[in-house]
Amino acid sequence: MRITTWMTHQQRLANLQSTEARLNKAQNQVSSGRKLERTSDNPTGAVELLTIQTRLTEREQQGASIKGALPLMKATESSLGDISNALLSARNAALRAANTATGSDADRAALAAQIQAAKRTVLQQANLKVDQRYLYSGTKSDVQPFTGDSVTYAGNTRALKIDVTDGNPIEISVTGEQIRGGQAGSDLFANLTALEQAVRAGDSAAIRVGIDKLDGDRDRVINLRGDMGSRLNYLEMAQDGIDKEVILLQTRQSDLRDVDLAEAIVTAKLAENGQQAALAMASKIGGMSLLDYLR
């Protein structure tokens, strides 16, 4: 086949374009740090990158939700412990009153004062705030849950929830109604008030009834604390799992998308040398005449 001048020129042009494309790609990778900038660079890798990014976003959001919930849950677990201890103090005072119901008015008043102090502690804990949010108001976390001398509940019965396992929400709070026992037909604060009054009056029968009710109230609080502790442990383990998955996803994302800078610099230098050689050859061939071929 006869090689024409036009064919030689086209081949020379194609070589120059090829070396220039390689150089541009190598230089872009060095400057951007990315080896996958367009879907056409690696269609399969681009699809995987999109999947990874979607999963990363989901897991990072779930991790952020857990990190935001943990302080609230830890404060709740600790607060329920303080409430339980206050109720135990009230119970001990009531037991002493029951065993010394015939004691002096001063003795009974001192024991009643201990129960009153326990009630104040419970009320203080039940109105506790963390990061400007009330712990026990349900989803109405900006509303003080317990108010008034008769202690009425102003929150709601919907616990705060977060989604940590793809559509499986978990409760991260306890409502004031659960603490008070309203859903179980009880009233913790009313029970404490009645017990205090029974101790002041030296009413042994009423004291015994009050202690039984207080035992039920304390058992409920202990169960709430245990449940909160279990959920807290679960979320801490979930957080650990999410952190590990995020690291794996980020590593795979980097493998698909990011360049090895040292390798990219070497590739760019080789591409630059290749282009310079192609330009030199094109210039040399382009300057030759028929006489050069006949020599």
C-alpha atoms as a PDB file:
ATOM      1  CA  MET A   1       0.000   0.000   0.000  1.00  0.00           C
ATOM      2  CA  ARG A   2       1.300   3.423  -0.940  1.00  0.00           C
ATOM      3  CA  ILE A   3       1.963   5.757   1.991  1.00  0.00           C
ATOM      4  CA  THR A   4       0.925   9.265   1.001  1.00  0.00           C
ATOM      5  CA  THR A   5       2.019  12.555   2.556  1.00  0.00           C
ATOM      6  CA  TRP A   6      -1.541  13.089   3.778  1.00  0.00           C
ATOM      7  CA  MET A   7      -1.567   9.717   5.544  1.00  0.00           C
ATOM      8  CA  THR A   8       1.750  10.503   7.180  1.00  0.00           C
ATOM      9  CA  HIS A   9       0.425  13.841   8.358  1.00  0.00           C
ATOM     10  CA  GLN A  10      -2.718  12.227   9.817  1.00  0.00           C
ATOM     11  CA  GLN A  11      -0.695   9.606  11.651  1.00  0.00           C
ATOM     12  CA  ARG A  12       1.606  12.292  13.030  1.00  0.00           C
ATOM     13  CA  LEU A  13      -1.412  14.349  14.159  1.00  0.00           C
ATOM     14  CA  ALA A  14      -3.027  11.319  15.813  1.00  0.00           C
ATOM     15  CA  ASN A  15       0.175  10.587  17.728  1.00  0.00           C
ATOM     16  CA  LEU A  16       0.406  14.179  18.934  1.00  0.00           C
ATOM     17  CA  GLN A  17      -3.231  14.183  20.047  1.00  0.00           C
ATOM     18  CA  SER A  18      -2.749  10.896  21.888  1.00  0.00           C
ATOM     19  CA  THR A  19       0.332  12.065  23.775  1.00  0.00           C
ATOM     20  CA  GLU A  20      -1.322  15.400  24.592  1.00  0.00           C
ATOM     21  CA  ALA A  21      -4.413  13.596  25.951  1.00  0.00           C
ATOM     22  CA  ARG A  22      -2.227  11.394  28.154  1.00  0.00           C
ATOM     23  CA  LEU A  23      -0.346  14.440  29.405  1.00  0.00           C
ATOM     24  CA  ASN A  24      -3.519  16.393  30.165  1.00  0.00           C
ATOM     25  CA  LYS A  25      -5.010  13.458  32.029  1.00  0.00           C
ATOM     26  CA  ALA A  26      -1.849  12.947  34.074  1.00  0.00           C
ATOM     27  CA  GLN A  27      -1.559  16.653  34.899  1.00  0.00           C
ATOM     28  CA  ASN A  28      -5.236  16.835  35.901  1.00  0.00           C
ATOM     29  CA  GLN A  29      -4.779  13.875  38.233  1.00  0.00           C
ATOM     30  CA  VAL A  30      -1.780  15.523  39.888  1.00  0.00           C
ATOM     31  CA  SER A  31      -3.570  18.855  40.354  1.00  0.00           C
ATOM     32  CA  SER A  32      -6.928  17.422  41.504  1.00  0.00           C
ATOM     33  CA  GLY A  33      -5.681  14.367  43.372  1.00  0.00           C
ATOM     34  CA  ARG A  34      -8.450  12.357  41.701  1.00  0.00           C
ATOM     35  CA  LYS A  35      -8.094   9.525  39.239  1.00  0.00           C
ATOM     36  CA  LEU A  36     -11.839   9.247  38.632  1.00  0.00           C
ATOM     37  CA  GLU A  37     -13.356  12.589  37.675  1.00  0.00           C
ATOM     38  CA  ARG A  38     -15.856  11.512  35.015  1.00  0.00           C
ATOM     39  CA  THR A  39     -18.085   8.474  34.731  1.00  0.00           C
ATOM     40  CA  SER A  40     -16.404   7.618  31.438  1.00  0.00           C
ATOM     41  CA  ASP A  41     -13.059   7.197  33.235  1.00  0.00           C
ATOM     42  CA  ASN A  42     -14.374   4.056  34.951  1.00  0.00           C
ATOM     43  CA  PRO A  43     -18.129   3.396  34.593  1.00  0.00           C
ATOM     44  CA  THR A  44     -18.130   0.439  37.011  1.00  0.00           C
ATOM     45  CA  GLY A  45     -16.091   2.340  39.570  1.00  0.00           C
ATOM     46  CA  ALA A  46     -18.337   5.388  39.211  1.00  0.00           C
ATOM     47  CA  VAL A  47     -21.415   3.309  40.029  1.00  0.00           C
ATOM     48  CA  GLU A  48     -19.671   1.814  43.068  1.00  0.00           C
ATOM     49  CA  LEU A  49     -18.572   5.281  44.172  1.00  0.00           C
ATOM     50  CA  LEU A  50     -22.152   6.524  44.031  1.00  0.00           C
ATOM     51  CA  THR A  51     -23.311   3.564  46.130  1.00  0.00           C
ATOM     52  CA  ILE A  52     -20.538   4.165  48.647  1.00  0.00           C
ATOM     53  CA  GLN A  53     -21.345   7.867  48.921  1.00  0.00           C
ATOM     54  CA  THR A  54     -25.022   7.124  49.550  1.00  0.00           C
ATOM     55  CA  ARG A  55     -24.132   4.606  52.256  1.00  0.00           C
ATOM     56  CA  LEU A  56     -21.588   6.962  53.786  1.00  0.00           C
ATOM     57  CA  THR A  57     -24.168   9.721  54.029  1.00  0.00           C
ATOM     58  CA  GLU A  58     -26.648   7.376  55.724  1.00  0.00           C
ATOM     59  CA  ARG A  59     -24.147   6.013  58.223  1.00  0.00           C
ATOM     60  CA  GLU A  60     -22.654   9.421  59.012  1.00  0.00           C
ATOM     61  CA  GLN A  61     -26.133  10.794  59.697  1.00  0.00           C
ATOM     62  CA  GLN A  62     -26.926   7.828  61.935  1.00  0.00           C
ATOM     63  CA  GLY A  63     -23.616   8.261  63.729  1.00  0.00           C
ATOM     64  CA  ALA A  64     -24.331  11.947  64.277  1.00  0.00           C
ATOM     65  CA  SER A  65     -27.773  11.072  65.682  1.00  0.00           C
ATOM     66  CA  ILE A  66     -26.221   8.620  68.127  1.00  0.00           C
ATOM     67  CA  LYS A  67     -23.556  11.088  69.210  1.00  0.00           C
ATOM     68  CA  GLY A  68     -26.282  13.648  69.854  1.00  0.00           C
ATOM     69  CA  ALA A  69     -28.382  11.140  71.786  1.00  0.00           C
ATOM     70  CA  LEU A  70     -25.707   9.639  74.037  1.00  0.00           C
ATOM     71  CA  PRO A  71     -25.322  12.643  76.398  1.00  0.00           C
ATOM     72  CA  LEU A  72     -29.105  12.771  76.828  1.00  0.00           C
ATOM     73  CA  MET A  73     -29.319   9.045  77.529  1.00  0.00           C
ATOM     74  CA  LYS A  74     -26.376   9.058  79.948  1.00  0.00           C
ATOM     75  CA  ALA A  75     -27.916  11.968  81.849  1.00  0.00           C
ATOM     76  CA  THR A  76     -31.264  10.142  81.942  1.00  0.00           C
ATOM     77  CA  GLU A  77     -29.708   6.918  83.228  1.00  0.00           C
ATOM     78  CA  SER A  78     -27.854   8.833  85.942  1.00  0.00           C
ATOM     79  CA  SER A  79     -30.940  10.860  86.849  1.00  0.00           C
ATOM     80  CA  LEU A  80     -33.086   7.743  87.201  1.00  0.00           C
ATOM     81  CA  GLY A  81     -30.445   6.405  89.578  1.00  0.00           C
ATOM     82  CA  ASP A  82     -30.717   9.570  91.672  1.00  0.00           C
ATOM     83  CA  ILE A  83     -34.509   9.280  91.712  1.00  0.00           C
ATOM     84  CA  SER A  84     -34.259   5.648  92.799  1.00  0.00           C
ATOM     85  CA  ASN A  85     -31.883   6.613  95.609  1.00  0.00           C
ATOM     86  CA  ALA A  86     -34.215   9.399  96.760  1.00  0.00           C
ATOM     87  CA  LEU A  87     -37.133   6.962  96.870  1.00  0.00           C
ATOM     88  CA  LEU A  88     -35.021   4.534  98.873  1.00  0.00           C
ATOM     89  CA  SER A  89     -34.249   7.307 101.346  1.00  0.00           C
ATOM     90  CA  ALA A  90     -37.972   8.041 101.666  1.00  0.00           C
ATOM     91  CA  ARG A  91     -38.695   4.362 102.184  1.00  0.00           C
ATOM     92  CA  ASN A  92     -36.111   4.059 104.940  1.00  0.00           C
ATOM     93  CA  ALA A  93     -37.577   7.068 106.706  1.00  0.00           C
ATOM     94  CA  ALA A  94     -41.079   5.606 106.387  1.00  0.00           C
ATOM     95  CA  LEU A  95     -39.896   2.254 107.790  1.00  0.00           C
ATOM     96  CA  ARG A  96     -38.415   3.968 110.827  1.00  0.00           C
ATOM     97  CA  ALA A  97     -41.654   5.875 111.244  1.00  0.00           C
ATOM     98  CA  ALA A  98     -43.665   2.650 111.015  1.00  0.00           C
ATOM     99  CA  ASN A  99     -41.498   1.048 113.695  1.00  0.00           C
ATOM    100  CA  THR A 100     -41.754   4.084 115.974  1.00  0.00           C
ATOM    101  CA  ALA A 101     -45.279   5.260 115.245  1.00  0.00           C
ATOM    102  CA  THR A 102     -45.774   6.000 118.924  1.00  0.00           C
ATOM    103  CA  GLY A 103     -42.699   8.252 119.019  1.00  0.00           C
ATOM    104  CA  SER A 104     -42.766  11.955 119.659  1.00  0.00           C
ATOM    105  CA  ASP A 105     -44.198  14.519 117.289  1.00  0.00           C
ATOM    106  CA  ALA A 106     -40.677  15.838 116.761  1.00  0.00           C
ATOM    107  CA  ASP A 107     -39.400  12.413 115.720  1.00  0.00           C
ATOM    108  CA  ARG A 108     -42.231  11.951 113.259  1.00  0.00           C
ATOM    109  CA  ALA A 109     -41.775  15.476 111.906  1.00  0.00           C
ATOM    110  CA  ALA A 110     -38.069  14.807 111.297  1.00  0.00           C
ATOM    111  CA  LEU A 111     -38.829  11.599 109.403  1.00  0.00           C
ATOM    112  CA  ALA A 112     -41.596  13.324 107.425  1.00  0.00           C
ATOM    113  CA  ALA A 113     -39.114  16.064 106.532  1.00  0.00           C
ATOM    114  CA  GLN A 114     -36.806  13.409 105.078  1.00  0.00           C
ATOM    115  CA  ILE A 115     -39.630  12.153 102.873  1.00  0.00           C
ATOM    116  CA  GLN A 116     -40.422  15.722 101.863  1.00  0.00           C
ATOM    117  CA  ALA A 117     -36.758  16.274 100.954  1.00  0.00           C
ATOM    118  CA  ALA A 118     -36.803  13.067  98.901  1.00  0.00           C
ATOM    119  CA  LYS A 119     -39.855  14.337  97.036  1.00  0.00           C
ATOM    120  CA  ARG A 120     -38.053  17.615  96.270  1.00  0.00           C
ATOM    121  CA  THR A 121     -35.070  15.643  94.930  1.00  0.00           C
ATOM    122  CA  VAL A 122     -37.332  13.525  92.734  1.00  0.00           C
ATOM    123  CA  LEU A 123     -39.088  16.640  91.417  1.00  0.00           C
ATOM    124  CA  GLN A 124     -35.766  18.357  90.778  1.00  0.00           C
ATOM    125  CA  GLN A 125     -34.481  15.347  88.835  1.00  0.00           C
ATOM    126  CA  ALA A 126     -37.769  14.985  86.957  1.00  0.00           C
ATOM    127  CA  ASN A 127     -37.359  18.576  85.717  1.00  0.00           C
ATOM    128  CA  LEU A 128     -33.701  18.169  84.768  1.00  0.00           C
ATOM    129  CA  LYS A 129     -32.416  19.819  81.570  1.00  0.00           C
ATOM    130  CA  VAL A 130     -29.496  18.860  79.346  1.00  0.00           C
ATOM    131  CA  ASP A 131     -28.408  21.118  76.479  1.00  0.00           C
ATOM    132  CA  GLN A 132     -31.534  23.241  76.993  1.00  0.00           C
ATOM    133  CA  ARG A 133     -33.799  20.194  76.656  1.00  0.00           C
ATOM    134  CA  TYR A 134     -35.906  18.720  79.447  1.00  0.00           C
ATOM    135  CA  LEU A 135     -35.161  15.029  79.858  1.00  0.00           C
ATOM    136  CA  TYR A 136     -38.665  13.878  80.722  1.00  0.00           C
ATOM    137  CA  SER A 137     -41.073  15.950  78.613  1.00  0.00           C
ATOM    138  CA  GLY A 138     -41.284  13.482  75.757  1.00  0.00           C
ATOM    139  CA  THR A 139     -41.154  15.182  72.385  1.00  0.00           C
ATOM    140  CA  LYS A 140     -42.145  18.484  74.033  1.00  0.00           C
ATOM    141  CA  SER A 141     -38.569  18.840  75.256  1.00  0.00           C
ATOM    142  CA  ASP A 142     -38.788  22.629  75.524  1.00  0.00           C
ATOM    143  CA  VAL A 143     -41.608  22.406  78.103  1.00  0.00           C
ATOM    144  CA  GLN A 144     -40.966  21.888  81.814  1.00  0.00           C
ATOM    145  CA  PRO A 145     -42.571  18.517  82.549  1.00  0.00           C
ATOM    146  CA  PHE A 146     -43.713  18.911  86.160  1.00  0.00           C
ATOM    147  CA  THR A 147     -45.224  22.048  87.672  1.00  0.00           C
ATOM    148  CA  GLY A 148     -47.435  23.191  90.526  1.00  0.00           C
ATOM    149  CA  ASP A 149     -47.820  22.231  94.190  1.00  0.00           C
ATOM    150  CA  SER A 150     -49.928  19.231  93.236  1.00  0.00           C
ATOM    151  CA  VAL A 151     -47.315  18.356  90.577  1.00  0.00           C
ATOM    152  CA  THR A 152     -49.042  18.071  87.221  1.00  0.00           C
ATOM    153  CA  TYR A 153     -47.405  16.759  84.057  1.00  0.00           C
ATOM    154  CA  ALA A 154     -47.131  19.148  81.087  1.00  0.00           C
ATOM    155  CA  GLY A 155     -45.153  16.947  78.687  1.00  0.00           C
ATOM    156  CA  ASN A 156     -46.490  14.198  76.447  1.00  0.00           C
ATOM    157  CA  THR A 157     -46.215  10.418  76.305  1.00  0.00           C
ATOM    158  CA  ARG A 158     -44.138  10.212  73.089  1.00  0.00           C
ATOM    159  CA  ALA A 159     -40.496   9.360  73.735  1.00  0.00           C
ATOM    160  CA  LEU A 160     -37.733  10.795  71.557  1.00  0.00           C
ATOM    161  CA  LYS A 161     -36.469   8.353  68.920  1.00  0.00           C
ATOM    162  CA  ILE A 162     -33.593   8.043  66.476  1.00  0.00           C
ATOM    163  CA  ASP A 163     -33.062   5.711  63.510  1.00  0.00           C
ATOM    164  CA  VAL A 164     -29.796   3.798  63.809  1.00  0.00           C
ATOM    165  CA  THR A 165     -30.373   0.601  61.838  1.00  0.00           C
ATOM    166  CA  ASP A 166     -32.034   1.590  58.571  1.00  0.00           C
ATOM    167  CA  GLY A 167     -35.674   2.063  59.508  1.00  0.00           C
ATOM    168  CA  ASN A 168     -35.592   0.573  63.008  1.00  0.00           C
ATOM    169  CA  PRO A 169     -35.983   3.561  65.389  1.00  0.00           C
ATOM    170  CA  ILE A 170     -35.025   3.258  69.038  1.00  0.00           C
ATOM    171  CA  GLU A 171     -36.354   5.304  71.959  1.00  0.00           C
ATOM    172  CA  ILE A 172     -33.708   7.465  73.593  1.00  0.00           C
ATOM    173  CA  SER A 173     -35.755   9.118  76.334  1.00  0.00           C
ATOM    174  CA  VAL A 174     -38.131   8.376  79.194  1.00  0.00           C
ATOM    175  CA  THR A 175     -41.299  10.390  79.592  1.00  0.00           C
ATOM    176  CA  GLY A 176     -42.372  12.011  82.832  1.00  0.00           C
ATOM    177  CA  GLU A 177     -45.582   9.990  82.686  1.00  0.00           C
ATOM    178  CA  GLN A 178     -43.512   6.809  82.855  1.00  0.00           C
ATOM    179  CA  ILE A 179     -41.706   8.087  85.948  1.00  0.00           C
ATOM    180  CA  ARG A 180     -44.875   9.249  87.653  1.00  0.00           C
ATOM    181  CA  GLY A 181     -46.631   5.992  86.820  1.00  0.00           C
ATOM    182  CA  GLY A 182     -49.766   7.521  85.360  1.00  0.00           C
ATOM    183  CA  GLN A 183     -49.968   4.866  82.670  1.00  0.00           C
ATOM    184  CA  ALA A 184     -49.926   2.240  85.420  1.00  0.00           C
ATOM    185  CA  GLY A 185     -52.625   4.019  87.417  1.00  0.00           C
ATOM    186  CA  SER A 186     -50.202   5.423  89.985  1.00  0.00           C
ATOM    187  CA  ASP A 187     -48.901   8.870  90.917  1.00  0.00           C
ATOM    188  CA  LEU A 188     -45.418   8.950  92.402  1.00  0.00           C
ATOM    189  CA  PHE A 189     -45.689  12.498  93.720  1.00  0.00           C
ATOM    190  CA  ALA A 190     -49.126  11.988  95.237  1.00  0.00           C
ATOM    191  CA  ASN A 191     -47.881   8.792  96.863  1.00  0.00           C
ATOM    192  CA  LEU A 192     -44.928  10.610  98.423  1.00  0.00           C
ATOM    193  CA  THR A 193     -47.198  13.373  99.695  1.00  0.00           C
ATOM    194  CA  ALA A 194     -49.607  10.855 101.237  1.00  0.00           C
ATOM    195  CA  LEU A 195     -46.731   8.962 102.837  1.00  0.00           C
ATOM    196  CA  GLU A 196     -45.336  12.162 104.327  1.00  0.00           C
ATOM    197  CA  GLN A 197     -48.735  13.025 105.784  1.00  0.00           C
ATOM    198  CA  ALA A 198     -49.147   9.511 107.203  1.00  0.00           C
ATOM    199  CA  VAL A 199     -45.768   9.747 108.930  1.00  0.00           C
ATOM    200  CA  ARG A 200     -46.610  13.137 110.435  1.00  0.00           C
ATOM    201  CA  ALA A 201     -49.875  11.712 111.737  1.00  0.00           C
ATOM    202  CA  GLY A 202     -48.271   8.530 113.032  1.00  0.00           C
ATOM    203  CA  ASP A 203     -50.797   6.453 111.076  1.00  0.00           C
ATOM    204  CA  SER A 204     -49.123   3.026 110.975  1.00  0.00           C
ATOM    205  CA  ALA A 205     -51.641   1.469 108.585  1.00  0.00           C
ATOM    206  CA  ALA A 206     -51.372   4.351 106.125  1.00  0.00           C
ATOM    207  CA  ILE A 207     -47.593   4.250 106.391  1.00  0.00           C
ATOM    208  CA  ARG A 208     -47.566   0.551 105.449  1.00  0.00           C
ATOM    209  CA  VAL A 209     -49.827   1.227 102.468  1.00  0.00           C
ATOM    210  CA  GLY A 210     -47.585   4.133 101.489  1.00  0.00           C
ATOM    211  CA  ILE A 211     -44.472   1.970 101.682  1.00  0.00           C
ATOM    212  CA  ASP A 212     -46.074  -0.641  99.422  1.00  0.00           C
ATOM    213  CA  LYS A 213     -46.937   2.027  96.860  1.00  0.00           C
ATOM    214  CA  LEU A 214     -43.447   3.480  97.140  1.00  0.00           C
ATOM    215  CA  ASP A 215     -41.957   0.049  96.477  1.00  0.00           C
ATOM    216  CA  GLY A 216     -43.986  -0.177  93.288  1.00  0.00           C
ATOM    217  CA  ASP A 217     -42.874   3.305  92.258  1.00  0.00           C
ATOM    218  CA  ARG A 218     -39.227   2.532  92.930  1.00  0.00           C
ATOM    219  CA  ASP A 219     -39.377  -0.787  91.095  1.00  0.00           C
ATOM    220  CA  ARG A 220     -40.777   1.041  88.079  1.00  0.00           C
ATOM    221  CA  VAL A 221     -37.965   3.611  88.167  1.00  0.00           C
ATOM    222  CA  ILE A 222     -35.344   0.870  88.547  1.00  0.00           C
ATOM    223  CA  ASN A 223     -36.801  -0.939  85.524  1.00  0.00           C
ATOM    224  CA  LEU A 224     -36.773   2.290  83.512  1.00  0.00           C
ATOM    225  CA  ARG A 225     -33.141   2.819  84.438  1.00  0.00           C
ATOM    226  CA  GLY A 226     -32.225  -0.743  83.481  1.00  0.00           C
ATOM    227  CA  ASP A 227     -33.980  -0.387  80.145  1.00  0.00           C
ATOM    228  CA  MET A 228     -32.241   2.917  79.486  1.00  0.00           C
ATOM    229  CA  GLY A 229     -28.894   1.352  80.366  1.00  0.00           C
ATOM    230  CA  SER A 230     -29.515  -1.491  77.909  1.00  0.00           C
ATOM    231  CA  ARG A 231     -30.402   0.927  75.112  1.00  0.00           C
ATOM    232  CA  LEU A 232     -27.391   3.050  75.969  1.00  0.00           C
ATOM    233  CA  ASN A 233     -25.096   0.029  75.667  1.00  0.00           C
ATOM    234  CA  TYR A 234     -26.756  -0.940  72.390  1.00  0.00           C
ATOM    235  CA  LEU A 235     -26.225   2.515  70.913  1.00  0.00           C
ATOM    236  CA  GLU A 236     -22.606   2.645  72.032  1.00  0.00           C
ATOM    237  CA  MET A 237     -22.003  -0.671  70.263  1.00  0.00           C
ATOM    238  CA  ALA A 238     -23.921   0.587  67.227  1.00  0.00           C
ATOM    239  CA  GLN A 239     -21.747   3.703  67.205  1.00  0.00           C
ATOM    240  CA  ASP A 240     -18.622   1.561  67.263  1.00  0.00           C
ATOM    241  CA  GLY A 241     -19.937  -0.494  64.336  1.00  0.00           C
ATOM    242  CA  ILE A 242     -20.834   2.621  62.363  1.00  0.00           C
ATOM    243  CA  ASP A 243     -17.400   4.165  62.958  1.00  0.00           C
ATOM    244  CA  LYS A 244     -15.708   1.012  61.661  1.00  0.00           C
ATOM    245  CA  GLU A 245     -17.982   0.824  58.610  1.00  0.00           C
ATOM    246  CA  VAL A 246     -17.384   4.479  57.797  1.00  0.00           C
ATOM    247  CA  ILE A 247     -13.610   3.903  57.862  1.00  0.00           C
ATOM    248  CA  LEU A 248     -13.953   0.921  55.494  1.00  0.00           C
ATOM    249  CA  LEU A 249     -16.223   2.882  53.145  1.00  0.00           C
ATOM    250  CA  GLN A 250     -13.894   5.876  53.129  1.00  0.00           C
ATOM    251  CA  THR A 251     -10.926   3.615  52.408  1.00  0.00           C
ATOM    252  CA  ARG A 252     -12.697   1.982  49.462  1.00  0.00           C
ATOM    253  CA  GLN A 253     -13.862   5.399  48.249  1.00  0.00           C
ATOM    254  CA  SER A 254     -10.294   6.655  48.290  1.00  0.00           C
ATOM    255  CA  ASP A 255      -9.051   3.555  46.459  1.00  0.00           C
ATOM    256  CA  LEU A 256     -11.541   4.164  43.655  1.00  0.00           C
ATOM    257  CA  ARG A 257     -11.299   7.934  43.445  1.00  0.00           C
ATOM    258  CA  ASP A 258      -7.959   9.227  44.686  1.00  0.00           C
ATOM    259  CA  VAL A 259      -4.579   8.944  42.994  1.00  0.00           C
ATOM    260  CA  ASP A 260      -1.249   7.912  44.424  1.00  0.00           C
ATOM    261  CA  LEU A 261       0.383  11.338  44.147  1.00  0.00           C
ATOM    262  CA  ALA A 262       3.940  10.056  43.721  1.00  0.00           C
ATOM    263  CA  GLU A 263       2.837   7.639  41.016  1.00  0.00           C
ATOM    264  CA  ALA A 264       0.769  10.335  39.314  1.00  0.00           C
ATOM    265  CA  ILE A 265       3.736  12.721  39.217  1.00  0.00           C
ATOM    266  CA  VAL A 266       5.918  10.050  37.600  1.00  0.00           C
ATOM    267  CA  THR A 267       3.170   9.285  35.066  1.00  0.00           C
ATOM    268  CA  ALA A 268       2.796  12.985  34.270  1.00  0.00           C
ATOM    269  CA  LYS A 269       6.553  13.331  33.746  1.00  0.00           C
ATOM    270  CA  LEU A 270       6.619  10.316  31.442  1.00  0.00           C
ATOM    271  CA  ALA A 271       3.660  11.714  29.489  1.00  0.00           C
ATOM    272  CA  GLU A 272       5.414  15.064  29.214  1.00  0.00           C
ATOM    273  CA  ASN A 273       8.566  13.387  27.896  1.00  0.00           C
ATOM    274  CA  GLY A 274       6.477  11.360  25.457  1.00  0.00           C
ATOM    275  CA  GLN A 275       4.807  14.467  24.101  1.00  0.00           C
ATOM    276  CA  GLN A 276       8.117  16.295  23.712  1.00  0.00           C
ATOM    277  CA  ALA A 277       9.517  13.308  21.798  1.00  0.00           C
ATOM    278  CA  ALA A 278       6.445  13.194  19.568  1.00  0.00           C
ATOM    279  CA  LEU A 279       6.712  16.923  18.881  1.00  0.00           C
ATOM    280  CA  ALA A 280      10.395  16.607  18.068  1.00  0.00           C
ATOM    281  CA  MET A 281       9.768  13.710  15.695  1.00  0.00           C
ATOM    282  CA  ALA A 282       6.880  15.522  14.005  1.00  0.00           C
ATOM    283  CA  SER A 283       9.038  18.601  13.538  1.00  0.00           C
ATOM    284  CA  LYS A 284      11.850  16.559  12.072  1.00  0.00           C
ATOM    285  CA  ILE A 285       9.626  14.606   9.705  1.00  0.00           C
ATOM    286  CA  GLY A 286       7.619  17.688   8.775  1.00  0.00           C
ATOM    287  CA  GLY A 287      10.803  19.491   7.588  1.00  0.00           C
ATOM    288  CA  MET A 288      11.960  16.696   5.274  1.00  0.00           C
ATOM    289  CA  SER A 289      11.604  17.025   1.471  1.00  0.00           C
ATOM    290  CA  LEU A 290      11.654  14.547  -1.389  1.00  0.00           C
ATOM    291  CA  LEU A 291      15.414  15.108  -1.744  1.00  0.00           C
ATOM    292  CA  ASP A 292      15.868  13.902   1.883  1.00  0.00           C
ATOM    293  CA  TYR A 293      14.231  10.615   0.998  1.00  0.00           C
ATOM    294  CA  LEU A 294      16.360  10.230  -2.194  1.00  0.00           C
ATOM    295  CA  ARG A 295      19.708  10.672  -0.374  1.00  0.00           C
END
